[in-house]
Amino acid sequence: MHILLINVCDLTIGFYLLTIATKDAVAGDRYVESDSIWRSGFNCKIVAFVSLWSVIVETLFMMTVSITRYMVVKDPFGKPMGKRSNILILGILPILLGSLIVVTLTLRQEV
């Protein structure tokens, strides 16, 4: 499950890089002329939101993986985490927390 969630975040970073590369290929040498249009457009805001969300959520995924590994190392013979709590801690919590952080940042200032 850890790898799947991290790969989803990497896929969204790939979406961001593909969008920027496409925009660069289309604009070519005329990037300076279309810079203000791109930055004020809806597409730029969506791409910025997706990239920021991806980085924050992937960081939170890595943090939760580290915490769960620490718990196993600290108490190797203790009761293992159940499947439901594992899904909650590793999957849902980082996505919700990351989304909250990104929405708060984008509402406070332009990304």
N, C-alpha and C. Protein backbone atom coordinates (compact mmCIF):
# COMPACT_ATOMS: atom_id res chain seq x y z
N MET A 1 0.82 -1.20 0.00
CA MET A 1 0.00 0.00 0.00
C MET A 1 0.86 1.26 0.00
N HIS A 2 2.00 1.20 0.71
CA HIS A 2 2.87 2.37 0.76
C HIS A 2 3.31 2.77 -0.65
N ILE A 3 3.75 1.79 -1.41
CA ILE A 3 4.30 2.05 -2.73
C ILE A 3 3.21 2.60 -3.67
N LEU A 4 2.02 2.05 -3.59
CA LEU A 4 0.93 2.52 -4.45
C LEU A 4 0.62 3.99 -4.21
N LEU A 5 0.53 4.38 -2.94
CA LEU A 5 0.19 5.77 -2.62
C LEU A 5 1.30 6.73 -3.05
N ILE A 6 2.54 6.33 -2.88
CA ILE A 6 3.66 7.18 -3.29
C ILE A 6 3.70 7.28 -4.81
N ASN A 7 3.38 6.17 -5.50
CA ASN A 7 3.35 6.21 -6.97
C ASN A 7 2.25 7.11 -7.50
N VAL A 8 1.13 7.19 -6.81
CA VAL A 8 0.06 8.10 -7.22
C VAL A 8 0.55 9.55 -7.15
N CYS A 9 1.26 9.88 -6.09
CA CYS A 9 1.81 11.23 -5.97
C CYS A 9 2.86 11.50 -7.05
N ASP A 10 3.69 10.50 -7.34
CA ASP A 10 4.67 10.66 -8.41
C ASP A 10 3.99 10.85 -9.76
N LEU A 11 2.86 10.19 -9.96
CA LEU A 11 2.11 10.34 -11.20
C LEU A 11 1.58 11.77 -11.34
N THR A 12 1.14 12.36 -10.25
CA THR A 12 0.65 13.73 -10.33
C THR A 12 1.79 14.71 -10.58
N ILE A 13 2.97 14.43 -10.05
CA ILE A 13 4.14 15.26 -10.37
C ILE A 13 4.47 15.12 -11.85
N GLY A 14 4.35 13.91 -12.38
CA GLY A 14 4.55 13.69 -13.81
C GLY A 14 3.55 14.49 -14.64
N PHE A 15 2.30 14.56 -14.18
CA PHE A 15 1.28 15.37 -14.85
C PHE A 15 1.71 16.84 -14.86
N TYR A 16 2.22 17.31 -13.75
CA TYR A 16 2.69 18.69 -13.65
C TYR A 16 3.83 18.95 -14.64
N LEU A 17 4.82 18.05 -14.65
CA LEU A 17 5.97 18.25 -15.53
C LEU A 17 5.57 18.15 -17.00
N LEU A 18 4.65 17.25 -17.32
CA LEU A 18 4.17 17.12 -18.70
C LEU A 18 3.43 18.38 -19.14
N THR A 19 2.65 18.95 -18.25
CA THR A 19 1.92 20.18 -18.57
C THR A 19 2.88 21.33 -18.81
N ILE A 20 3.88 21.46 -17.96
CA ILE A 20 4.86 22.55 -18.12
C ILE A 20 5.67 22.34 -19.41
N ALA A 21 6.06 21.11 -19.69
CA ALA A 21 6.81 20.83 -20.92
C ALA A 21 5.97 21.11 -22.16
N THR A 22 4.70 20.76 -22.11
CA THR A 22 3.81 21.03 -23.24
C THR A 22 3.65 22.54 -23.46
N LYS A 23 3.46 23.26 -22.38
CA LYS A 23 3.33 24.71 -22.47
C LYS A 23 4.61 25.33 -23.03
N ASP A 24 5.75 24.82 -22.62
CA ASP A 24 7.03 25.33 -23.12
C ASP A 24 7.19 25.02 -24.61
N ALA A 25 6.77 23.82 -25.02
CA ALA A 25 6.89 23.45 -26.43
C ALA A 25 5.96 24.29 -27.31
N VAL A 26 4.78 24.58 -26.82
CA VAL A 26 3.82 25.38 -27.58
C VAL A 26 4.28 26.83 -27.65
N ALA A 27 4.72 27.38 -26.53
CA ALA A 27 5.11 28.79 -26.50
C ALA A 27 6.44 29.01 -27.22
N GLY A 28 7.38 28.08 -27.04
CA GLY A 28 8.68 28.21 -27.72
C GLY A 28 9.40 29.48 -27.32
N ASP A 29 9.82 30.25 -28.31
CA ASP A 29 10.55 31.49 -28.06
C ASP A 29 9.63 32.63 -27.64
N ARG A 30 8.33 32.42 -27.72
CA ARG A 30 7.37 33.46 -27.39
C ARG A 30 6.87 33.35 -25.94
N TYR A 31 7.63 32.70 -25.07
CA TYR A 31 7.17 32.49 -23.69
C TYR A 31 6.97 33.82 -22.96
N VAL A 32 7.84 34.77 -23.21
CA VAL A 32 7.75 36.06 -22.52
C VAL A 32 6.43 36.75 -22.86
N GLU A 33 5.97 36.58 -24.09
CA GLU A 33 4.72 37.21 -24.50
C GLU A 33 3.50 36.56 -23.83
N SER A 34 3.56 35.25 -23.63
CA SER A 34 2.40 34.55 -23.06
C SER A 34 2.52 34.29 -21.56
N ASP A 35 3.57 34.79 -20.95
CA ASP A 35 3.80 34.54 -19.53
C ASP A 35 2.67 35.07 -18.66
N SER A 36 2.29 36.32 -18.85
CA SER A 36 1.25 36.91 -18.00
C SER A 36 -0.11 36.25 -18.24
N ILE A 37 -0.37 35.85 -19.48
CA ILE A 37 -1.63 35.16 -19.78
C ILE A 37 -1.66 33.80 -19.09
N TRP A 38 -0.54 33.06 -19.15
CA TRP A 38 -0.45 31.74 -18.52
C TRP A 38 -0.61 31.85 -17.01
N ARG A 39 0.11 32.77 -16.39
CA ARG A 39 0.08 32.88 -14.93
C ARG A 39 -1.27 33.34 -14.39
N SER A 40 -2.00 34.09 -15.14
CA SER A 40 -3.31 34.54 -14.66
C SER A 40 -4.43 33.59 -15.08
N GLY A 41 -4.12 32.59 -15.87
CA GLY A 41 -5.14 31.67 -16.36
C GLY A 41 -5.51 30.57 -15.36
N PHE A 42 -6.62 29.94 -15.64
CA PHE A 42 -7.14 28.86 -14.78
C PHE A 42 -6.24 27.63 -14.82
N ASN A 43 -5.67 27.33 -16.01
CA ASN A 43 -4.81 26.15 -16.14
C ASN A 43 -3.59 26.22 -15.23
N CYS A 44 -2.99 27.39 -15.14
CA CYS A 44 -1.82 27.56 -14.27
C CYS A 44 -2.19 27.30 -12.81
N LYS A 45 -3.34 27.79 -12.41
CA LYS A 45 -3.76 27.60 -11.01
C LYS A 45 -4.03 26.12 -10.71
N ILE A 46 -4.62 25.40 -11.66
CA ILE A 46 -4.88 23.97 -11.47
C ILE A 46 -3.56 23.20 -11.40
N VAL A 47 -2.65 23.51 -12.31
CA VAL A 47 -1.36 22.82 -12.33
C VAL A 47 -0.58 23.11 -11.05
N ALA A 48 -0.60 24.35 -10.59
CA ALA A 48 0.09 24.70 -9.35
C ALA A 48 -0.53 23.99 -8.16
N PHE A 49 -1.85 23.91 -8.12
CA PHE A 49 -2.54 23.20 -7.03
C PHE A 49 -2.17 21.73 -7.02
N VAL A 50 -2.18 21.10 -8.18
CA VAL A 50 -1.87 19.67 -8.27
C VAL A 50 -0.43 19.41 -7.85
N SER A 51 0.51 20.24 -8.30
CA SER A 51 1.91 20.01 -7.94
C SER A 51 2.15 20.22 -6.45
N LEU A 52 1.56 21.26 -5.88
CA LEU A 52 1.73 21.51 -4.46
C LEU A 52 1.08 20.41 -3.63
N TRP A 53 -0.11 19.97 -4.02
CA TRP A 53 -0.80 18.89 -3.33
C TRP A 53 0.02 17.62 -3.37
N SER A 54 0.58 17.32 -4.53
CA SER A 54 1.35 16.10 -4.69
C SER A 54 2.58 16.08 -3.79
N VAL A 55 3.30 17.17 -3.76
CA VAL A 55 4.51 17.23 -2.94
C VAL A 55 4.17 17.12 -1.45
N ILE A 56 3.16 17.83 -1.01
CA ILE A 56 2.80 17.79 0.41
C ILE A 56 2.27 16.42 0.81
N VAL A 57 1.39 15.84 0.01
CA VAL A 57 0.83 14.53 0.36
C VAL A 57 1.90 13.45 0.32
N GLU A 58 2.81 13.50 -0.65
CA GLU A 58 3.88 12.50 -0.69
C GLU A 58 4.79 12.63 0.53
N THR A 59 5.07 13.85 0.95
CA THR A 59 5.85 14.05 2.17
C THR A 59 5.14 13.47 3.38
N LEU A 60 3.84 13.68 3.47
CA LEU A 60 3.07 13.11 4.59
C LEU A 60 3.02 11.59 4.52
N PHE A 61 2.92 11.02 3.30
CA PHE A 61 2.97 9.57 3.16
C PHE A 61 4.30 9.03 3.69
N MET A 62 5.39 9.67 3.30
CA MET A 62 6.71 9.22 3.76
C MET A 62 6.83 9.34 5.28
N MET A 63 6.25 10.38 5.84
CA MET A 63 6.27 10.55 7.28
C MET A 63 5.48 9.43 7.97
N THR A 64 4.31 9.09 7.44
CA THR A 64 3.52 8.02 8.07
C THR A 64 4.20 6.67 7.91
N VAL A 65 4.85 6.44 6.78
CA VAL A 65 5.60 5.19 6.61
C VAL A 65 6.71 5.11 7.64
N SER A 66 7.42 6.23 7.85
CA SER A 66 8.49 6.26 8.85
C SER A 66 7.96 6.00 10.25
N ILE A 67 6.82 6.58 10.57
CA ILE A 67 6.23 6.37 11.90
C ILE A 67 5.83 4.92 12.10
N THR A 68 5.19 4.32 11.10
CA THR A 68 4.79 2.91 11.25
C THR A 68 6.00 1.99 11.33
N ARG A 69 7.04 2.28 10.57
CA ARG A 69 8.27 1.46 10.65
C ARG A 69 8.91 1.63 12.03
N TYR A 70 8.90 2.84 12.56
CA TYR A 70 9.45 3.07 13.90
C TYR A 70 8.68 2.27 14.94
N MET A 71 7.36 2.24 14.81
CA MET A 71 6.55 1.49 15.77
C MET A 71 6.88 -0.01 15.72
N VAL A 72 7.15 -0.53 14.54
CA VAL A 72 7.50 -1.94 14.40
C VAL A 72 8.88 -2.20 15.01
N VAL A 73 9.82 -1.30 14.79
CA VAL A 73 11.17 -1.49 15.32
C VAL A 73 11.16 -1.34 16.84
N LYS A 74 10.39 -0.40 17.34
CA LYS A 74 10.33 -0.14 18.78
C LYS A 74 9.74 -1.32 19.53
N ASP A 75 8.69 -1.90 19.00
CA ASP A 75 8.03 -3.01 19.67
C ASP A 75 7.75 -4.12 18.65
N PRO A 76 8.78 -4.92 18.32
CA PRO A 76 8.63 -5.90 17.25
C PRO A 76 7.65 -7.03 17.58
N PHE A 77 7.44 -7.33 18.84
CA PHE A 77 6.56 -8.43 19.21
C PHE A 77 5.20 -7.95 19.71
N GLY A 78 4.95 -6.65 19.55
CA GLY A 78 3.66 -6.10 19.96
C GLY A 78 2.56 -6.45 18.98
N LYS A 79 1.38 -6.01 19.29
CA LYS A 79 0.22 -6.28 18.45
C LYS A 79 0.36 -5.49 17.14
N PRO A 80 0.27 -6.17 15.98
CA PRO A 80 0.37 -5.44 14.71
C PRO A 80 -0.87 -4.59 14.47
N MET A 81 -0.70 -3.57 13.66
CA MET A 81 -1.82 -2.69 13.33
C MET A 81 -2.83 -3.45 12.48
N GLY A 82 -4.08 -3.19 12.72
CA GLY A 82 -5.13 -3.80 11.94
C GLY A 82 -5.21 -3.19 10.55
N LYS A 83 -5.90 -3.85 9.65
CA LYS A 83 -5.99 -3.36 8.28
C LYS A 83 -6.74 -2.03 8.21
N ARG A 84 -7.77 -1.89 9.02
CA ARG A 84 -8.56 -0.65 9.00
C ARG A 84 -7.74 0.54 9.49
N SER A 85 -7.02 0.38 10.59
CA SER A 85 -6.21 1.50 11.09
C SER A 85 -5.03 1.77 10.17
N ASN A 86 -4.52 0.74 9.53
CA ASN A 86 -3.43 0.92 8.58
C ASN A 86 -3.89 1.75 7.38
N ILE A 87 -5.07 1.46 6.87
CA ILE A 87 -5.61 2.23 5.75
C ILE A 87 -5.88 3.67 6.18
N LEU A 88 -6.40 3.85 7.39
CA LEU A 88 -6.69 5.20 7.88
C LEU A 88 -5.41 6.01 8.03
N ILE A 89 -4.41 5.44 8.69
CA ILE A 89 -3.19 6.18 8.96
C ILE A 89 -2.38 6.41 7.70
N LEU A 90 -2.25 5.38 6.86
CA LEU A 90 -1.37 5.49 5.70
C LEU A 90 -2.04 6.09 4.47
N GLY A 91 -3.35 6.01 4.38
CA GLY A 91 -4.01 6.46 3.16
C GLY A 91 -4.83 7.71 3.32
N ILE A 92 -5.80 7.65 4.18
CA ILE A 92 -6.78 8.73 4.25
C ILE A 92 -6.26 9.95 4.98
N LEU A 93 -5.60 9.76 6.09
CA LEU A 93 -5.13 10.89 6.89
C LEU A 93 -4.16 11.80 6.13
N PRO A 94 -3.12 11.28 5.46
CA PRO A 94 -2.24 12.19 4.71
C PRO A 94 -2.95 12.92 3.57
N ILE A 95 -3.89 12.25 2.90
CA ILE A 95 -4.60 12.91 1.81
C ILE A 95 -5.44 14.06 2.34
N LEU A 96 -6.17 13.82 3.43
CA LEU A 96 -7.01 14.88 3.99
C LEU A 96 -6.17 16.02 4.54
N LEU A 97 -5.11 15.69 5.28
CA LEU A 97 -4.26 16.72 5.85
C LEU A 97 -3.55 17.52 4.76
N GLY A 98 -3.04 16.83 3.74
CA GLY A 98 -2.39 17.51 2.63
C GLY A 98 -3.34 18.42 1.88
N SER A 99 -4.56 17.94 1.66
CA SER A 99 -5.56 18.75 0.96
C SER A 99 -5.91 19.99 1.77
N LEU A 100 -6.03 19.83 3.08
CA LEU A 100 -6.32 20.97 3.94
C LEU A 100 -5.20 22.00 3.90
N ILE A 101 -3.96 21.54 3.92
CA ILE A 101 -2.82 22.46 3.87
C ILE A 101 -2.79 23.20 2.54
N VAL A 102 -2.99 22.48 1.44
CA VAL A 102 -2.93 23.12 0.12
C VAL A 102 -4.07 24.11 -0.07
N VAL A 103 -5.26 23.75 0.36
CA VAL A 103 -6.39 24.67 0.23
C VAL A 103 -6.15 25.92 1.07
N THR A 104 -5.63 25.75 2.27
CA THR A 104 -5.33 26.90 3.13
C THR A 104 -4.28 27.80 2.48
N LEU A 105 -3.24 27.21 1.91
CA LEU A 105 -2.20 28.01 1.26
C LEU A 105 -2.72 28.73 0.03
N THR A 106 -3.54 28.06 -0.75
CA THR A 106 -4.04 28.71 -1.96
C THR A 106 -5.08 29.77 -1.66
N LEU A 107 -5.80 29.65 -0.57
CA LEU A 107 -6.74 30.69 -0.21
C LEU A 107 -6.06 31.92 0.36
N ARG A 108 -4.93 31.71 1.04
CA ARG A 108 -4.21 32.84 1.62
C ARG A 108 -3.47 33.67 0.59
N GLN A 109 -2.90 32.98 -0.40
CA GLN A 109 -2.11 33.69 -1.41
C GLN A 109 -2.20 32.92 -2.72
N GLU A 110 -1.80 33.58 -3.76
CA GLU A 110 -1.78 32.88 -5.04
C GLU A 110 -0.56 32.00 -5.11
N VAL A 111 -0.76 30.79 -5.63
CA VAL A 111 0.35 29.83 -5.74
C VAL A 111 1.14 30.14 -6.98
